N, C-alpha and C. Protein backbone atom coordinates (compact mmCIF):
# COMPACT_ATOMS: atom_id res chain seq x y z
N UNK A 1 35.78 8.07 -27.85
CA UNK A 1 34.33 8.42 -27.08
C UNK A 1 34.33 8.15 -25.07
N UNK A 2 34.13 9.26 -24.32
CA UNK A 2 33.69 9.85 -22.99
C UNK A 2 33.17 8.19 -22.01
N UNK A 3 33.80 8.35 -21.10
CA UNK A 3 33.15 6.80 -20.06
C UNK A 3 33.30 7.34 -18.63
N UNK A 4 31.41 6.84 -18.74
CA UNK A 4 31.30 7.17 -16.95
C UNK A 4 31.30 6.15 -15.94
N UNK A 5 32.40 6.34 -15.76
CA UNK A 5 33.01 4.93 -14.63
C UNK A 5 32.03 4.32 -13.36
N UNK A 6 31.27 5.79 -13.30
CA UNK A 6 29.59 5.48 -11.99
C UNK A 6 28.99 4.61 -13.06
N UNK A 7 28.40 4.82 -13.55
CA UNK A 7 27.90 4.24 -15.28
C UNK A 7 27.85 2.67 -14.99
N UNK A 8 28.83 2.37 -15.61
CA UNK A 8 29.67 0.94 -15.39
C UNK A 8 30.09 0.14 -13.87
N UNK A 9 30.30 1.04 -13.48
CA UNK A 9 30.05 0.49 -11.96
C UNK A 9 28.99 -0.06 -11.42
N UNK A 10 27.95 0.90 -12.09
CA UNK A 10 26.37 0.52 -11.42
C UNK A 10 25.76 -0.44 -11.90
N UNK A 11 26.46 -0.77 -13.34
CA UNK A 11 25.72 -2.12 -14.60
C UNK A 11 26.44 -3.30 -13.91
N UNK A 12 27.91 -3.52 -13.13
CA UNK A 12 28.57 -4.44 -13.11
C UNK A 12 27.47 -4.54 -11.80
N UNK A 13 27.89 -3.92 -10.86
CA UNK A 13 26.86 -3.93 -9.84
C UNK A 13 25.62 -4.88 -9.90
N UNK A 14 24.57 -4.11 -10.98
CA UNK A 14 23.80 -4.59 -11.53
C UNK A 14 23.44 -6.39 -12.00
N UNK A 15 24.42 -6.84 -12.18
CA UNK A 15 24.97 -7.92 -13.26
C UNK A 15 24.96 -8.86 -12.28
N UNK A 16 25.77 -8.29 -11.01
CA UNK A 16 26.59 -9.10 -10.30
C UNK A 16 25.20 -8.83 -9.00
N UNK A 17 24.50 -8.80 -8.70
CA UNK A 17 22.96 -9.34 -7.98
C UNK A 17 21.81 -9.78 -9.01
N UNK A 18 21.82 -9.41 -10.02
CA UNK A 18 21.03 -9.95 -10.64
C UNK A 18 21.35 -11.72 -10.84
N UNK A 19 22.69 -12.34 -11.26
CA UNK A 19 23.11 -13.44 -11.01
C UNK A 19 22.98 -13.70 -10.25
N UNK A 20 23.04 -13.58 -8.82
CA UNK A 20 23.19 -13.76 -7.48
C UNK A 20 21.58 -14.20 -6.60
N UNK A 21 20.46 -13.37 -7.39
CA UNK A 21 18.84 -13.29 -6.81
C UNK A 21 18.71 -14.18 -7.97
N UNK A 22 18.88 -14.42 -9.47
CA UNK A 22 17.97 -15.38 -10.24
C UNK A 22 18.36 -16.80 -9.75
N UNK A 23 19.76 -17.09 -9.23
CA UNK A 23 20.02 -18.36 -8.65
C UNK A 23 18.74 -18.44 -7.60
N UNK A 24 18.00 -17.69 -6.81
CA UNK A 24 17.13 -18.28 -5.89
C UNK A 24 15.98 -18.45 -6.53
N UNK A 25 15.67 -17.35 -7.69
CA UNK A 25 14.41 -18.00 -8.04
C UNK A 25 13.88 -18.20 -9.67
N UNK A 26 15.25 -18.35 -10.36
CA UNK A 26 14.91 -19.18 -11.57
C UNK A 26 15.55 -20.21 -11.71
N UNK A 27 15.72 -21.27 -12.88
CA UNK A 27 16.44 -21.81 -13.13
C UNK A 27 17.39 -22.18 -14.41
N UNK A 28 17.86 -22.87 -14.16
CA UNK A 28 18.87 -22.65 -15.85
C UNK A 28 18.12 -23.18 -17.22
N UNK A 29 16.68 -23.91 -17.14
CA UNK A 29 16.18 -23.94 -18.06
C UNK A 29 15.13 -22.40 -18.42
N UNK A 30 14.54 -22.06 -16.98
CA UNK A 30 13.98 -21.15 -17.34
C UNK A 30 14.30 -19.61 -16.44
N UNK A 31 15.16 -18.62 -17.36
CA UNK A 31 15.12 -17.38 -16.24
C UNK A 31 14.15 -16.91 -15.72
N UNK A 32 13.07 -16.91 -16.41
CA UNK A 32 12.01 -16.05 -15.81
C UNK A 32 10.99 -17.36 -15.23
N UNK A 33 11.33 -18.35 -14.46
CA UNK A 33 10.10 -19.71 -13.59
C UNK A 33 9.67 -18.24 -13.23
N UNK A 34 9.92 -17.39 -12.08
CA UNK A 34 9.45 -16.68 -10.94
C UNK A 34 8.20 -16.44 -11.66
N UNK A 35 8.27 -15.54 -12.97
CA UNK A 35 7.94 -14.62 -13.07
C UNK A 35 6.58 -15.04 -14.01
N UNK A 36 6.78 -16.81 -13.92
CA UNK A 36 5.88 -17.21 -15.36
C UNK A 36 4.95 -18.18 -13.95
N UNK A 37 5.13 -18.27 -12.89
CA UNK A 37 4.60 -19.60 -11.85
C UNK A 37 3.68 -17.88 -11.06
N UNK A 38 4.45 -17.00 -11.21
CA UNK A 38 3.56 -15.89 -10.44
C UNK A 38 2.25 -15.50 -11.46
N UNK A 39 2.53 -15.37 -12.11
CA UNK A 39 1.61 -14.98 -12.85
C UNK A 39 0.38 -15.84 -13.68
N UNK A 40 0.80 -17.01 -12.96
CA UNK A 40 -0.25 -18.45 -12.67
C UNK A 40 -1.25 -18.13 -11.31
N UNK A 41 -0.43 -18.30 -10.44
CA UNK A 41 -1.17 -17.52 -9.33
C UNK A 41 -2.19 -16.04 -9.43
N UNK A 42 -1.55 -15.23 -9.99
CA UNK A 42 -2.10 -14.08 -10.15
C UNK A 42 -3.81 -14.01 -10.72
N UNK A 43 -3.58 -15.26 -12.11
CA UNK A 43 -4.55 -15.41 -12.73
C UNK A 43 -5.76 -16.10 -12.11
N UNK A 44 -5.23 -16.26 -10.93
CA UNK A 44 -6.71 -17.24 -10.45
C UNK A 44 -7.71 -15.93 -9.42
N UNK A 45 -7.17 -15.30 -8.94
CA UNK A 45 -7.74 -13.51 -8.48
C UNK A 45 -8.20 -12.17 -9.32
N UNK A 46 -8.53 -11.46 -8.98
CA UNK A 46 -9.61 -10.88 -10.26
C UNK A 46 -9.70 -9.66 -9.18
N UNK A 47 -10.09 -9.29 -7.99
CA UNK A 47 -9.89 -8.34 -7.26
C UNK A 47 -8.41 -6.98 -7.58
N UNK A 48 -8.23 -5.89 -7.45
CA UNK A 48 -6.84 -5.55 -7.39
C UNK A 48 -6.33 -5.90 -5.98
N UNK A 49 -6.93 -5.55 -5.05
CA UNK A 49 -6.92 -5.50 -3.65
C UNK A 49 -6.49 -7.04 -3.25
N UNK A 50 -7.27 -8.06 -3.76
CA UNK A 50 -6.17 -9.17 -3.48
C UNK A 50 -5.00 -9.16 -4.25
N UNK A 51 -4.83 -8.59 -5.25
CA UNK A 51 -3.84 -9.21 -6.03
C UNK A 51 -2.24 -8.36 -5.59
N UNK A 52 -2.69 -7.21 -4.95
CA UNK A 52 -1.30 -6.23 -4.30
C UNK A 52 -0.98 -7.25 -2.93
N UNK A 53 -1.56 -8.18 -2.34
CA UNK A 53 -1.36 -9.55 -1.32
C UNK A 53 -0.29 -11.06 -2.05
N UNK A 54 -1.08 -10.85 -3.22
CA UNK A 54 -0.88 -11.87 -3.77
C UNK A 54 0.29 -12.14 -4.50
N UNK A 55 0.86 -11.20 -5.02
CA UNK A 55 1.99 -10.89 -5.82
C UNK A 55 3.12 -11.43 -4.80
N UNK A 56 3.70 -11.02 -3.69
CA UNK A 56 4.91 -10.86 -3.10
C UNK A 56 4.52 -12.29 -2.33
N UNK A 57 3.08 -13.20 -1.96
CA UNK A 57 2.81 -14.79 -1.79
C UNK A 57 3.33 -15.41 -2.98
N UNK A 58 3.05 -15.53 -3.78
CA UNK A 58 3.56 -15.84 -4.98
C UNK A 58 4.74 -15.65 -5.22
N UNK A 59 5.63 -15.03 -5.33
CA UNK A 59 7.15 -14.67 -5.43
C UNK A 59 7.57 -15.35 -4.48
N UNK A 60 7.82 -15.16 -3.39
CA UNK A 60 8.03 -15.81 -2.00
C UNK A 60 7.87 -17.85 -2.38
N UNK A 61 6.31 -18.10 -2.98
CA UNK A 61 6.42 -18.94 -3.09
C UNK A 61 7.27 -19.97 -4.33
N UNK A 62 6.91 -19.34 -5.13
CA UNK A 62 8.04 -19.47 -6.57
C UNK A 62 9.14 -19.50 -5.78
N UNK A 63 10.12 -19.13 -5.17
CA UNK A 63 11.95 -18.33 -5.02
C UNK A 63 11.89 -20.43 -4.23
N UNK A 64 10.62 -20.71 -2.84
CA UNK A 64 10.87 -21.71 -2.17
C UNK A 64 10.82 -22.69 -2.81
N UNK A 65 9.86 -22.57 -3.61
CA UNK A 65 10.25 -24.10 -4.32
C UNK A 65 10.68 -24.21 -5.76
N UNK A 66 11.46 -23.70 -5.88
CA UNK A 66 12.68 -23.35 -6.90
C UNK A 66 14.03 -23.86 -6.05
N UNK A 67 13.96 -23.74 -4.64
CA UNK A 67 15.45 -23.82 -4.37
C UNK A 67 15.01 -25.20 -2.77
N UNK A 68 13.85 -25.02 -3.03
CA UNK A 68 13.58 -26.43 -2.26
C UNK A 68 13.45 -27.86 -2.96
N UNK A 69 12.91 -27.50 -3.99
CA UNK A 69 12.90 -28.92 -5.34
C UNK A 69 14.24 -28.72 -5.79
N UNK A 70 15.50 -27.83 -5.54
CA UNK A 70 16.60 -28.54 -5.72
C UNK A 70 17.42 -28.36 -4.75
N UNK A 71 17.46 -28.30 -3.43
CA UNK A 71 17.54 -29.23 -2.49
C UNK A 71 18.65 -28.24 -2.45
N UNK A 72 18.92 -26.42 -2.81
CA UNK A 72 19.73 -25.49 -2.87
C UNK A 72 19.82 -24.90 -1.93
N UNK A 73 21.13 -24.27 -2.03
CA UNK A 73 21.09 -23.50 -0.12
C UNK A 73 20.43 -21.80 -0.95
N UNK A 74 19.88 -21.16 -0.20
CA UNK A 74 19.75 -19.48 -0.65
C UNK A 74 21.16 -18.95 -0.76
N UNK A 75 20.96 -17.45 -1.68
CA UNK A 75 22.02 -17.06 -1.92
C UNK A 75 22.10 -15.46 -0.82
N UNK A 76 20.68 -15.41 -0.71
CA UNK A 76 19.93 -13.96 -0.04
C UNK A 76 19.45 -14.53 0.60
N UNK A 77 18.16 -14.23 0.97
CA UNK A 77 17.84 -14.32 2.28
C UNK A 77 17.37 -15.79 2.50
N UNK A 78 17.44 -16.07 3.94
CA UNK A 78 17.11 -17.72 4.39
C UNK A 78 15.56 -18.52 3.73
N UNK A 79 15.43 -19.36 3.93
CA UNK A 79 14.19 -20.23 4.11
C UNK A 79 13.16 -19.56 4.90
N UNK A 80 13.71 -19.82 5.84
CA UNK A 80 12.92 -19.06 7.60
C UNK A 80 12.35 -17.87 6.65
N UNK A 81 13.22 -17.33 6.69
CA UNK A 81 12.86 -15.48 6.74
C UNK A 81 11.59 -15.11 5.09
N UNK A 82 12.00 -16.08 3.95
CA UNK A 82 10.57 -16.63 3.26
C UNK A 82 9.25 -17.03 3.64
N UNK A 83 9.45 -18.05 4.10
CA UNK A 83 8.46 -18.40 5.43
C UNK A 83 7.52 -17.74 6.09
N UNK A 84 8.74 -16.74 7.14
CA UNK A 84 8.17 -15.57 7.76
C UNK A 84 7.94 -14.63 7.58
N UNK A 85 7.82 -13.90 6.11
CA UNK A 85 7.54 -13.19 4.64
C UNK A 85 5.72 -13.59 3.98
N UNK A 86 5.51 -14.70 4.23
CA UNK A 86 4.66 -15.03 3.69
C UNK A 86 3.86 -15.45 4.51
N UNK A 87 4.09 -15.82 5.74
CA UNK A 87 2.90 -15.84 6.97
C UNK A 87 2.58 -14.18 7.08
N UNK A 88 3.84 -13.07 7.03
CA UNK A 88 3.40 -11.97 7.35
C UNK A 88 2.35 -10.98 6.39
N UNK A 89 2.59 -11.58 4.91
CA UNK A 89 1.95 -11.56 3.82
C UNK A 89 0.41 -11.83 4.28
N UNK A 90 0.07 -13.01 4.54
CA UNK A 90 -1.13 -13.77 4.59
C UNK A 90 -2.13 -13.33 5.67
N UNK A 91 -1.21 -12.39 7.16
CA UNK A 91 -1.91 -11.80 8.03
C UNK A 91 -2.64 -10.71 8.12
N UNK A 92 -1.69 -9.77 6.73
CA UNK A 92 -2.22 -8.75 6.14
C UNK A 92 -3.05 -8.44 5.34
N UNK A 93 -3.41 -9.57 4.86
CA UNK A 93 -4.07 -9.30 3.66
C UNK A 93 -5.60 -9.95 4.45
N UNK A 94 -5.29 -10.70 5.51
CA UNK A 94 -6.23 -11.28 6.72
C UNK A 94 -7.24 -9.82 7.04
N UNK A 95 -5.85 -9.30 7.92
CA UNK A 95 -6.72 -7.91 8.80
C UNK A 95 -7.37 -6.53 6.87
N UNK A 96 -6.99 -6.25 5.55
CA UNK A 96 -7.13 -5.76 4.99
C UNK A 96 -8.45 -6.86 4.33
N UNK A 97 -8.69 -7.66 4.06
CA UNK A 97 -10.37 -8.27 4.08
C UNK A 97 -11.28 -8.02 5.07
N UNK A 98 -10.67 -7.81 6.19
CA UNK A 98 -11.76 -7.31 7.89
C UNK A 98 -11.87 -5.86 7.89
N UNK A 99 -10.75 -5.64 7.08
CA UNK A 99 -11.13 -3.67 6.97
C UNK A 99 -12.21 -3.77 5.93
N UNK A 100 -12.09 -4.01 5.00
CA UNK A 100 -12.82 -4.17 3.77
C UNK A 100 -14.00 -4.17 3.85
N UNK A 101 -14.22 -5.02 4.72
CA UNK A 101 -15.72 -6.31 5.16
C UNK A 101 -16.39 -5.66 6.05
N UNK A 102 -15.71 -4.65 7.24
CA UNK A 102 -16.41 -3.64 7.72
C UNK A 102 -17.63 -2.75 7.39
N UNK A 103 -18.97 -2.58 8.21
CA UNK A 103 -19.76 -1.20 7.54
C UNK A 103 -18.98 -0.31 7.68
N UNK A 104 -19.36 0.91 7.25
CA UNK A 104 -19.03 2.29 6.79
C UNK A 104 -19.79 2.75 7.96
N UNK A 105 -19.04 3.43 8.89
CA UNK A 105 -19.22 3.99 10.11
C UNK A 105 -20.20 5.40 9.93
N UNK A 106 -20.98 5.26 11.16
CA UNK A 106 -22.65 6.46 10.50
C UNK A 106 -21.99 7.45 11.62
N UNK A 107 -22.00 8.29 10.79
CA UNK A 107 -21.18 9.64 11.47
C UNK A 107 -22.65 11.13 11.08
N UNK A 108 -22.66 11.79 12.28
CA UNK A 108 -23.45 12.76 11.56
C UNK A 108 -22.58 14.36 12.03
N UNK A 109 -23.12 14.55 10.69
CA UNK A 109 -22.70 16.34 10.25
C UNK A 109 -22.86 16.82 11.10
N UNK A 110 -21.31 17.53 10.62
CA UNK A 110 -20.99 18.63 12.31
C UNK A 110 -22.17 19.60 11.90
N UNK A 111 -22.67 20.14 10.51
CA UNK A 111 -22.97 21.38 10.51
C UNK A 111 -24.82 21.51 10.21
N UNK A 112 -25.24 20.10 9.76
CA UNK A 112 -26.86 19.69 9.50
C UNK A 112 -27.39 18.95 10.00
N UNK A 113 -26.86 18.35 10.70
CA UNK A 113 -27.11 17.01 11.79
C UNK A 113 -27.47 15.78 11.11
N UNK A 114 -27.17 15.77 9.28
CA UNK A 114 -27.39 14.75 8.43
C UNK A 114 -26.38 13.32 8.78
N UNK A 115 -27.54 12.40 8.75
CA UNK A 115 -26.34 10.89 8.67
C UNK A 115 -25.58 10.87 7.46
N UNK A 116 -24.21 10.51 7.86
CA UNK A 116 -23.30 10.31 6.71
C UNK A 116 -21.86 9.50 7.11
N UNK A 117 -21.77 9.38 5.67
CA UNK A 117 -20.70 8.17 5.60
C UNK A 117 -19.22 8.60 5.56
N UNK A 118 -19.28 9.86 4.85
CA UNK A 118 -18.45 10.56 4.24
C UNK A 118 -17.80 11.78 4.75
N UNK A 119 -16.60 12.15 4.35
CA UNK A 119 -15.96 13.40 3.81
C UNK A 119 -15.47 13.99 5.61
N UNK A 120 -14.62 13.28 6.23
CA UNK A 120 -14.20 13.48 7.75
C UNK A 120 -13.38 14.13 7.99
N UNK A 121 -12.44 15.40 8.39
CA UNK A 121 -11.87 16.51 8.90
C UNK A 121 -11.35 16.20 10.12
N UNK A 122 -10.39 16.97 9.97
CA UNK A 122 -9.49 17.19 11.41
C UNK A 122 -9.67 18.96 11.42
N UNK A 123 -9.16 19.16 12.85
CA UNK A 123 -10.09 20.28 13.20
C UNK A 123 -8.92 21.05 13.85
N UNK A 124 -8.22 22.21 13.49
CA UNK A 124 -6.48 22.21 14.46
C UNK A 124 -6.81 24.00 14.49
N UNK A 125 -6.26 24.23 15.62
CA UNK A 125 -6.15 26.16 16.19
C UNK A 125 -4.45 25.94 16.47
N UNK A 126 -3.90 27.11 15.57
CA UNK A 126 -2.72 27.26 15.82
C UNK A 126 -1.69 25.85 15.82
N UNK A 127 -2.42 24.48 14.73
CA UNK A 127 -1.08 23.56 14.30
C UNK A 127 -1.36 22.76 15.25
N UNK A 128 -2.51 22.75 16.07
CA UNK A 128 -2.91 22.04 17.33
C UNK A 128 -4.21 20.88 16.63
N UNK A 129 -4.28 19.80 16.82
CA UNK A 129 -5.11 18.77 16.46
C UNK A 129 -6.17 19.52 17.74
N UNK A 130 -7.31 19.51 17.14
CA UNK A 130 -8.33 19.79 18.08
C UNK A 130 -9.63 18.68 17.97
N UNK A 131 -10.28 18.33 17.39
CA UNK A 131 -10.93 17.34 16.85
C UNK A 131 -11.37 16.65 15.25
N UNK A 132 -12.23 15.65 15.78
CA UNK A 132 -12.51 15.04 14.35
C UNK A 132 -14.18 15.71 14.00
N UNK A 133 -14.24 16.08 12.67
CA UNK A 133 -15.30 16.69 11.94
C UNK A 133 -15.85 15.83 11.02
N UNK A 134 -17.36 15.92 11.17
CA UNK A 134 -17.64 14.92 9.35
C UNK A 134 -18.68 16.33 8.82
N UNK A 135 -19.26 15.63 7.50
CA UNK A 135 -19.45 16.31 6.99
C UNK A 135 -20.07 15.88 6.09
N UNK A 136 -21.48 16.25 5.85
CA UNK A 136 -22.32 15.10 4.49
C UNK A 136 -22.15 16.01 3.27
N UNK A 137 -21.56 17.29 3.01
CA UNK A 137 -21.23 17.85 1.47
C UNK A 137 -20.39 19.05 2.15
N UNK A 138 -19.31 19.53 0.78
CA UNK A 138 -18.50 20.50 0.65
C UNK A 138 -19.29 21.70 1.02
N UNK A 139 -20.51 21.97 0.30
CA UNK A 139 -21.50 23.08 1.34
C UNK A 139 -21.43 23.06 2.83
N UNK A 140 -21.64 21.69 3.32
CA UNK A 140 -22.21 22.10 4.97
C UNK A 140 -20.39 22.44 5.52
N UNK A 141 -19.73 22.04 4.73
CA UNK A 141 -17.97 21.56 5.90
C UNK A 141 -18.05 23.23 5.32
N UNK A 142 -18.00 24.10 4.49
CA UNK A 142 -17.70 25.82 3.68
C UNK A 142 -18.98 26.37 5.13
N UNK A 143 -19.76 25.86 4.95
CA UNK A 143 -21.01 26.94 6.33
C UNK A 143 -20.23 26.87 7.88
N UNK A 144 -19.74 25.98 7.71
CA UNK A 144 -19.50 25.21 9.35
C UNK A 144 -18.59 26.32 9.86
N UNK A 145 -17.16 26.74 8.64
CA UNK A 145 -15.78 27.03 8.16
C UNK A 145 -16.74 28.64 8.31
N UNK A 146 -17.59 28.81 7.95
CA UNK A 146 -18.58 30.15 7.39
C UNK A 146 -18.70 31.16 8.95
N UNK A 147 -19.22 29.82 9.69
CA UNK A 147 -20.08 30.17 10.65
C UNK A 147 -19.85 31.23 11.68
N UNK A 148 -18.92 31.47 11.77
CA UNK A 148 -17.72 31.89 13.18
C UNK A 148 -15.65 32.20 12.38
N UNK A 149 -15.86 33.60 11.94
CA UNK A 149 -14.89 33.46 11.30
C UNK A 149 -13.96 33.85 12.46
N UNK A 150 -14.34 34.97 13.11
CA UNK A 150 -13.84 35.18 14.70
C UNK A 150 -12.36 33.85 14.91
N UNK A 151 -12.99 32.67 15.00
CA UNK A 151 -12.02 31.26 15.23
C UNK A 151 -11.46 31.14 14.03
N UNK A 152 -10.23 31.22 14.25
CA UNK A 152 -8.86 30.93 13.48
C UNK A 152 -8.44 29.93 13.50
N UNK A 153 -9.26 28.45 12.43
CA UNK A 153 -8.63 27.41 12.46
C UNK A 153 -8.16 26.72 11.36
N UNK A 154 -7.99 25.67 10.56
CA UNK A 154 -7.45 24.98 9.67
C UNK A 154 -8.09 23.71 9.72
N UNK A 155 -9.21 23.94 8.30
CA UNK A 155 -9.63 22.08 8.63
C UNK A 155 -9.15 21.25 7.31
N UNK A 156 -8.93 19.95 7.64
CA UNK A 156 -8.02 19.17 6.44
C UNK A 156 -9.11 17.90 6.63
N UNK A 157 -9.40 17.84 5.33
CA UNK A 157 -10.22 16.34 5.18
C UNK A 157 -8.60 14.95 5.24
N UNK A 158 -9.73 14.16 5.55
CA UNK A 158 -8.41 12.98 6.01
C UNK A 158 -7.90 12.22 4.74
N UNK A 159 -9.72 12.07 4.11
CA UNK A 159 -9.23 11.56 3.10
C UNK A 159 -8.27 12.45 1.86
N UNK A 160 -8.23 13.83 1.60
CA UNK A 160 -8.06 14.55 0.86
C UNK A 160 -8.38 14.53 -0.24
N UNK A 161 -7.93 14.54 -1.29
CA UNK A 161 -9.06 14.48 -2.45
C UNK A 161 -9.76 13.57 -3.12
N UNK A 162 -9.68 12.41 -2.31
CA UNK A 162 -10.92 11.20 -2.74
C UNK A 162 -12.20 11.31 -2.67
N UNK A 163 -12.57 12.40 -1.62
CA UNK A 163 -13.76 12.58 -1.31
C UNK A 163 -14.03 13.89 -1.78
N UNK A 164 -13.33 14.29 -2.72
CA UNK A 164 -13.74 16.15 -3.55
C UNK A 164 -14.01 16.91 -2.87
N UNK A 165 -12.93 16.66 -1.25
CA UNK A 165 -12.99 18.06 -0.29
C UNK A 165 -11.13 18.64 -0.85
N UNK A 166 -11.52 20.14 -0.89
CA UNK A 166 -10.33 20.78 -1.05
C UNK A 166 -10.00 21.19 0.61
N UNK A 167 -8.77 21.24 0.55
CA UNK A 167 -7.93 22.16 1.86
C UNK A 167 -8.98 23.32 2.53
N UNK A 168 -9.20 23.43 3.30
CA UNK A 168 -9.27 25.09 3.99
C UNK A 168 -8.34 25.64 4.99
N UNK A 169 -7.99 26.97 4.66
CA UNK A 169 -6.93 27.46 5.35
C UNK A 169 -7.65 28.43 6.24
N UNK A 170 -6.36 29.33 6.97
CA UNK A 170 -7.21 30.64 7.31
C UNK A 170 -7.26 31.21 6.16
């Protein structure tokens, strides 16, 4: 049977990494300890946007609980690094909650003048940013682009297809 040595070398490296890291995150009684503890903390939250922040915080807390409870020295990142990681995740989470709770900015459609909160674009001339534009619909964006065919520009949706806008090209 042919052997792929690089595969065997990678498997050995994975085994060594697993043993070293699992010592920081689990114990002999439960090799899945950090996953069990994280899933408990994750169950407290329902919003997927919050879960994106809760998971790394819970994972670091589980690691700290395992290391500090047994008074062990970490094999990988330091206790201080884990604490700073948690602080960073918490501050990022706080900023994200603030961003989510801000009211939508009221914009005016560059074509018809209606108030809108969606479909913001960037205008480029010869691949150079010119300005930001807002439209209340795809129709208004098309009308704006068609209004002056002599102007060679490219119009891109800042939010991509999220708002149903396609890329406009020259």
